[in-house]
C-alpha cells in the first residue's frame, strides 16, 4: 500500500481543496498548471467526456507546451483523434491507470471514471518527464474523483444559457415600454422625462447589452436579470 510523503500530503491537500472551486474551463486550466503540475508534471491534459457506451463524446485539450493548431485539433477530435484507441486500451486493461506511448507527445498516463450512466470521463496526461510508474498511477487514481466532478461542473456551466448584464430599474421600465412598441416620445411622456433622455438611456442600454437596435435589445433582455 503506497502512502504519500510529507511533501505529497501537502500537495494533495492543496490539489483537493483547489479542485472544489473549479467551475470554468479557465479555472480547470489554472488548477492543472498549479496543484496538478506539482504532483504530476505534464505538458498536456486531455479531458474526455464519455457517452453511455464509454465512447469519447467531447475532448478538451489544456496545454502549457506549444502545440501546432493541427496537432491540437487532432487531439481534440473525439472520432479521428487518438482518444478512441486509448479508451479501448484502458477498457480492455480493466479500467486501471494506463501508461501510454504517445509518439511525439512522449510518455502519457490515462485513467477514467466508470460512472457511465451519470456521464463518464477520462483524463490523459501527456508529456510526462519519464515513463509513469506505480506512484504516478496511484496519484492520478487519488485525484480522479475530483477531476471528474470538476469536469462535470465545467460542462454544466458551458451548457447554461448566457444571461445579459443586469439593467437598472429605469432601464427595465424603458424596456417594458419598448416591448409595447412605444416611441421615445411616448416613453418619455409615460415616465415624465424628455425624449432625448429616453434616447440617452437607450444608447447606454444598447452598449450594455451588446446590441444596436430596439428589437435586439428586447430580444436580448428576454433572459435578463434585473438589477
Protein backbone atom coordinates (compact mmCIF):
# COMPACT_ATOMS: atom_id res chain seq x y z
CA UNK A 1 0.00 0.00 0.00
CA UNK A 2 1.50 3.32 -1.06
CA UNK A 3 1.29 6.34 1.18
CA UNK A 4 2.19 9.97 0.41
CA UNK A 5 5.29 11.50 1.92
CA UNK A 6 5.05 14.85 3.72
CA UNK A 7 5.53 16.86 0.53
CA UNK A 8 2.94 14.85 -1.37
CA UNK A 9 0.47 15.14 1.50
CA UNK A 10 0.75 18.93 1.34
CA UNK A 11 0.39 18.99 -2.45
CA UNK A 12 -2.53 16.54 -2.38
CA UNK A 13 -4.40 18.62 0.17
CA UNK A 14 -3.80 21.75 -1.89
CA UNK A 15 -4.96 19.98 -5.07
CA UNK A 16 -8.14 18.62 -3.47
CA UNK A 17 -9.06 21.96 -1.89
CA UNK A 18 -8.47 23.76 -5.19
CA UNK A 19 -10.49 21.26 -7.21
CA UNK A 20 -13.63 22.04 -5.22
CA UNK A 21 -13.60 25.62 -6.51
CA UNK A 22 -13.35 24.75 -10.22
CA UNK A 23 -16.36 25.87 -12.24
CA UNK A 24 -14.99 27.03 -15.60
CA UNK A 25 -12.53 25.78 -18.22
CA UNK A 26 -10.10 28.55 -17.31
CA UNK A 27 -10.21 27.59 -13.63
CA UNK A 28 -9.56 23.96 -14.57
CA UNK A 29 -6.56 25.06 -16.65
CA UNK A 30 -5.13 27.20 -13.82
CA UNK A 31 -5.58 24.34 -11.36
CA UNK A 32 -3.88 21.90 -13.73
CA UNK A 33 -0.92 24.26 -14.10
CA UNK A 34 -0.56 24.68 -10.33
CA UNK A 35 -1.75 21.94 -7.99
CA UNK A 36 -1.80 19.14 -10.56
CA UNK A 37 1.60 20.06 -12.01
CA UNK A 38 3.14 19.91 -8.54
CA UNK A 39 2.11 16.26 -8.21
CA UNK A 40 2.14 15.07 -11.82
CA UNK A 41 4.26 17.28 -14.11
CA UNK A 42 2.90 17.18 -17.66
CA UNK A 43 2.66 19.19 -20.86
CA UNK A 44 -0.89 18.42 -21.97
CA UNK A 45 -4.07 17.43 -20.14
CA UNK A 46 -6.88 15.89 -22.18
CA UNK A 47 -10.30 15.96 -20.54
CA UNK A 48 -12.60 13.45 -22.27
CA UNK A 49 -16.36 13.34 -21.79
CA UNK A 50 -17.79 9.86 -22.37
CA UNK A 51 -21.21 8.81 -23.61
CA UNK A 52 -23.27 5.96 -22.13
CA UNK A 53 -21.33 3.40 -24.21
CA UNK A 54 -17.99 4.67 -22.94
CA UNK A 55 -17.05 6.37 -26.21
CA UNK A 56 -15.46 9.80 -26.48
CA UNK A 57 -18.17 12.44 -26.87
CA UNK A 58 -16.04 15.55 -26.42
CA UNK A 59 -12.34 16.15 -25.85
CA UNK A 60 -10.87 19.31 -24.33
CA UNK A 61 -7.15 20.00 -24.53
CA UNK A 62 -5.40 22.03 -21.82
CA UNK A 63 -1.72 22.55 -22.52
CA UNK A 64 1.24 24.53 -21.22
CA UNK A 65 3.52 23.40 -24.06
CA UNK A 66 3.28 24.96 -27.51
CA UNK A 67 1.07 22.89 -29.82
CA UNK A 68 0.62 23.38 -33.55
CA UNK A 69 -3.04 24.10 -34.39
CA UNK A 70 -3.24 20.89 -36.41
CA UNK A 71 -1.87 18.81 -33.53
CA UNK A 72 -4.29 20.37 -31.08
CA UNK A 73 -7.22 19.83 -33.45
CA UNK A 74 -6.31 16.15 -33.81
CA UNK A 75 -6.01 15.63 -30.05
CA UNK A 76 -9.45 17.23 -29.58
CA UNK A 77 -11.14 15.17 -32.32
CA UNK A 78 -13.30 12.58 -30.48
CA UNK A 79 -13.65 10.39 -33.59
CA UNK A 80 -10.45 10.73 -35.64
CA UNK A 81 -8.01 11.59 -32.84
CA UNK A 82 -6.18 9.18 -30.52
CA UNK A 83 -8.89 9.20 -27.81
CA UNK A 84 -10.92 6.22 -29.15
CA UNK A 85 -7.87 3.92 -29.34
CA UNK A 86 -6.67 4.97 -25.89
CA UNK A 87 -10.12 4.41 -24.43
CA UNK A 88 -10.21 0.89 -25.89
CA UNK A 89 -6.81 0.12 -24.36
CA UNK A 90 -7.96 1.45 -20.99
CA UNK A 91 -11.22 -0.52 -21.09
CA UNK A 92 -9.51 -3.74 -22.20
CA UNK A 93 -6.98 -3.27 -19.41
CA UNK A 94 -9.69 -3.42 -16.76
CA UNK A 95 -10.18 0.34 -16.46
CA UNK A 96 -6.97 0.74 -14.48
CA UNK A 97 -4.45 3.59 -14.89
CA UNK A 98 -2.83 3.10 -18.28
CA UNK A 99 0.69 4.12 -19.29
CA UNK A 100 0.83 5.38 -22.88
CA UNK A 101 3.46 5.89 -25.54
CA UNK A 102 2.12 8.96 -27.34
CA UNK A 103 4.64 9.39 -30.15
CA UNK A 104 5.86 12.97 -30.38
CA UNK A 105 3.95 13.76 -27.17
CA UNK A 106 6.20 11.36 -25.25
CA UNK A 107 5.10 9.44 -22.18
CA UNK A 108 1.47 9.55 -21.14
CA UNK A 109 -0.82 8.34 -18.38
CA UNK A 110 -4.58 7.78 -18.62
CA UNK A 111 -7.37 6.98 -16.19
CA UNK A 112 -11.14 7.40 -16.17
CA UNK A 113 -14.37 7.17 -14.28
CA UNK A 114 -16.65 4.21 -14.90
CA UNK A 115 -19.86 6.03 -13.90
CA UNK A 116 -21.08 5.99 -17.49
CA UNK A 117 -24.80 6.22 -16.69
CA UNK A 118 -24.10 9.54 -14.96
CA UNK A 119 -21.74 10.78 -17.66
CA UNK A 120 -18.31 9.21 -17.52
CA UNK A 121 -14.99 10.89 -18.06
CA UNK A 122 -11.37 10.08 -18.75
CA UNK A 123 -8.19 12.10 -18.39
CA UNK A 124 -4.89 11.80 -20.22
CA UNK A 125 -1.64 13.42 -19.10
CA UNK A 126 0.87 13.75 -21.94
CA UNK A 127 4.44 14.94 -22.00
CA UNK A 128 5.40 13.38 -18.66
CA UNK A 129 9.08 13.77 -17.72
CA UNK A 130 9.56 9.99 -17.74
CA UNK A 131 7.73 6.70 -18.02
CA UNK A 132 4.92 6.68 -15.45
CA UNK A 133 5.21 4.11 -12.72
CA UNK A 134 3.13 2.81 -9.85
CA UNK A 135 3.37 6.04 -7.87
CA UNK A 136 2.19 8.28 -10.74
CA UNK A 137 -0.70 5.90 -11.43
CA UNK A 138 -1.63 5.91 -7.76
CA UNK A 139 -1.61 9.73 -7.58
CA UNK A 140 -3.83 10.04 -10.67
CA UNK A 141 -6.20 7.47 -9.19
CA UNK A 142 -6.46 9.53 -5.98
CA UNK A 143 -7.22 12.71 -7.92
CA UNK A 144 -9.63 11.12 -10.41
CA UNK A 145 -12.88 11.77 -8.44
CA UNK A 146 -12.00 15.46 -8.10
CA UNK A 147 -11.09 15.75 -11.79
CA UNK A 148 -14.36 14.05 -12.74
CA UNK A 149 -16.52 16.33 -10.57
CA UNK A 150 -14.67 19.42 -11.79
CA UNK A 151 -15.25 18.39 -15.40
CA UNK A 152 -18.96 17.89 -14.74
CA UNK A 153 -19.24 21.39 -13.27
CA UNK A 154 -17.34 22.89 -16.22
CA UNK A 155 -19.61 21.07 -18.69
CA UNK A 156 -22.76 22.22 -16.86
CA UNK A 157 -21.55 25.83 -16.83
CA UNK A 158 -20.81 25.69 -20.56
CA UNK A 159 -24.33 24.46 -21.30
CA UNK A 160 -26.07 27.09 -19.15
CA UNK A 161 -27.69 29.95 -21.13
CA UNK A 162 -25.74 33.18 -21.00
CA UNK A 163 -27.53 36.00 -19.23
CA UNK A 164 -27.33 39.60 -20.32
CA UNK A 165 -25.85 42.10 -17.85
CA UNK A 166 -28.29 43.33 -15.21
CA UNK A 167 -30.18 46.53 -16.07
CA UNK A 168 -31.18 49.37 -13.79
CA UNK A 169 -34.81 49.89 -12.68
CA UNK A 170 -35.15 52.84 -15.10
CA UNK A 171 -33.73 50.76 -17.97
CA UNK A 172 -36.14 47.98 -17.08
CA UNK A 173 -39.06 50.44 -17.30
CA UNK A 174 -37.90 51.62 -20.73
CA UNK A 175 -37.55 48.01 -21.89
CA UNK A 176 -41.13 47.31 -20.84
CA UNK A 177 -42.38 50.21 -22.97
CA UNK A 178 -40.17 49.08 -25.86
CA UNK A 179 -41.95 45.75 -25.76
CA UNK A 180 -45.19 47.66 -26.14
CA UNK A 181 -43.82 49.29 -29.29
CA UNK A 182 -43.79 52.83 -27.85
CA UNK A 183 -41.71 55.60 -29.41
CA UNK A 184 -39.16 57.67 -27.49
CA UNK A 185 -41.69 60.50 -27.19
CA UNK A 186 -44.40 58.17 -25.86
CA UNK A 187 -42.00 56.54 -23.38
CA UNK A 188 -40.86 59.98 -22.21
CA UNK A 189 -44.46 61.04 -21.54
CA UNK A 190 -45.15 57.86 -19.59
CA UNK A 191 -42.02 58.30 -17.43
CA UNK A 192 -42.08 62.09 -17.12
CA UNK A 193 -38.77 62.58 -18.92
CA UNK A 194 -37.77 64.03 -22.28
CA UNK A 195 -37.46 62.02 -25.49
CA UNK A 196 -33.75 62.97 -25.55
CA UNK A 197 -33.28 61.44 -22.08
CA UNK A 198 -35.00 58.27 -23.27
CA UNK A 199 -32.65 58.19 -26.26
CA UNK A 200 -29.61 58.54 -23.98
CA UNK A 201 -30.87 55.70 -21.79
CA UNK A 202 -31.33 53.55 -24.87
CA UNK A 203 -27.83 54.26 -26.18
CA UNK A 204 -26.32 53.16 -22.86
CA UNK A 205 -28.61 50.13 -22.81
CA UNK A 206 -27.55 49.10 -26.32
CA UNK A 207 -23.87 49.23 -25.32
CA UNK A 208 -24.56 47.31 -22.13
CA UNK A 209 -26.48 44.54 -23.89
CA UNK A 210 -24.16 44.42 -26.91
CA UNK A 211 -26.92 45.26 -29.42
CA UNK A 212 -27.55 48.08 -31.89
CA UNK A 213 -31.33 48.48 -32.17
CA UNK A 214 -34.60 48.34 -30.25
CA UNK A 215 -35.67 44.90 -31.47
CA UNK A 216 -32.37 43.32 -30.48
CA UNK A 217 -32.50 44.99 -27.07
CA UNK A 218 -35.92 43.45 -26.41
CA UNK A 219 -34.76 40.02 -27.59
CA UNK A 220 -31.52 40.15 -25.59
CA UNK A 221 -33.35 41.12 -22.42
CA UNK A 222 -35.59 38.04 -22.61
CA UNK A 223 -33.02 36.18 -20.45
CA UNK A 224 -32.23 39.32 -18.49
CA UNK A 225 -31.85 39.56 -14.68
CA UNK A 226 -32.98 42.96 -13.46
CA UNK A 227 -30.67 44.81 -11.08
